[in-house]
Protein backbone atom coordinates (compact mmCIF):
# COMPACT_ATOMS: atom_id res chain seq x y z
CA MET A 1 -12.56 -19.78 -18.13
CA THR A 2 -14.58 -18.13 -20.88
CA ASP A 3 -14.81 -19.31 -24.48
CA ILE A 4 -13.89 -16.90 -27.27
CA TYR A 5 -16.10 -16.96 -30.38
CA HIS A 6 -16.11 -15.57 -33.91
CA ILE A 7 -19.61 -15.27 -35.33
CA HIS A 8 -19.96 -14.30 -38.99
CA ILE A 9 -23.14 -12.76 -40.38
CA LYS A 10 -23.92 -11.60 -43.89
CA GLY A 11 -23.86 -7.82 -44.36
CA HIS A 12 -22.32 -5.00 -42.36
CA LEU A 13 -24.11 -4.25 -39.11
CA ASP A 14 -24.15 -0.68 -37.90
CA PRO A 15 -21.61 -0.28 -35.05
CA ALA A 16 -24.45 1.01 -32.87
CA TRP A 17 -25.59 -2.63 -32.52
CA ALA A 18 -22.37 -3.57 -30.68
CA SER A 19 -23.90 -2.89 -27.27
CA ASP A 20 -26.62 -5.49 -28.00
CA PHE A 21 -24.07 -8.29 -28.28
CA ASP A 22 -22.76 -8.56 -24.71
CA GLY A 23 -19.46 -6.73 -25.25
CA MET A 24 -18.47 -8.51 -28.44
CA THR A 25 -16.55 -6.46 -31.00
CA LEU A 26 -17.95 -5.87 -34.50
CA HIS A 27 -15.50 -6.08 -37.40
CA HIS A 28 -16.56 -5.24 -40.96
CA LEU A 29 -14.74 -7.55 -43.34
CA ASP A 30 -13.98 -6.61 -46.96
CA ASN A 31 -16.24 -9.39 -48.28
CA GLY A 32 -19.44 -7.80 -46.92
CA VAL A 33 -19.48 -9.86 -43.73
CA THR A 34 -19.61 -8.70 -40.11
CA ARG A 35 -17.56 -10.71 -37.62
CA LEU A 36 -18.58 -10.54 -33.97
CA SER A 37 -15.61 -11.46 -31.79
CA GLY A 38 -15.26 -11.88 -28.09
CA PRO A 39 -15.85 -13.83 -24.93
CA VAL A 40 -19.09 -15.68 -24.31
CA ALA A 41 -19.77 -16.64 -20.70
CA ASP A 42 -21.65 -19.88 -21.38
CA GLN A 43 -24.00 -21.66 -23.77
CA ALA A 44 -27.01 -19.69 -22.53
CA ALA A 45 -25.21 -16.43 -23.40
CA LEU A 46 -24.28 -17.81 -26.83
CA HIS A 47 -27.91 -18.71 -27.53
CA GLY A 48 -28.92 -15.19 -26.46
CA ILE A 49 -26.50 -13.66 -28.97
CA LEU A 50 -27.74 -15.98 -31.71
CA ALA A 51 -31.35 -15.05 -30.87
CA ARG A 52 -30.51 -11.35 -31.29
CA ILE A 53 -28.98 -12.08 -34.69
CA ARG A 54 -32.11 -14.01 -35.64
CA ASP A 55 -34.34 -11.16 -34.45
CA LEU A 56 -32.39 -8.73 -36.66
CA GLY A 57 -33.05 -10.96 -39.64
CA ALA A 58 -29.33 -11.09 -40.39
CA PRO A 59 -28.22 -14.29 -42.17
CA LEU A 60 -25.92 -16.33 -39.92
CA LEU A 61 -22.90 -17.65 -41.80
CA SER A 62 -20.81 -19.34 -39.10
CA VAL A 63 -20.17 -19.74 -35.39
CA GLN A 64 -16.69 -20.79 -34.33
CA GLN A 65 -15.09 -21.21 -30.93
CA VAL A 66 -11.54 -19.92 -31.42
CA GLY A 67 -10.07 -20.11 -27.95
CA THR A 68 -10.51 -19.80 -24.22
CA LYS A 69 -9.85 -16.65 -22.22
CA GLY A 70 -7.59 -17.47 -19.34
CA GLY A 71 -6.24 -20.53 -21.16
CA ASP A 72 -3.43 -21.30 -23.56
CA ASN A 73 -5.18 -19.65 -26.55
CA GLU A 74 -5.54 -16.20 -24.98
């Protein structure tokens, strides 16, 4: 099973960055926040995504596990 995450960062990222986040989907929220949503294979993959956000200099607002793909929350 794979965990599903929502990661919120301040500002709207250009959709061209989507390919840098391991297949996560970028959603621009009305409040000036970008939400990255999608499956994350494991903790190492999550840390890789967070490192890319850090390298962009984008302020990280929250990281939330919202479900499990292949489980009851799919």
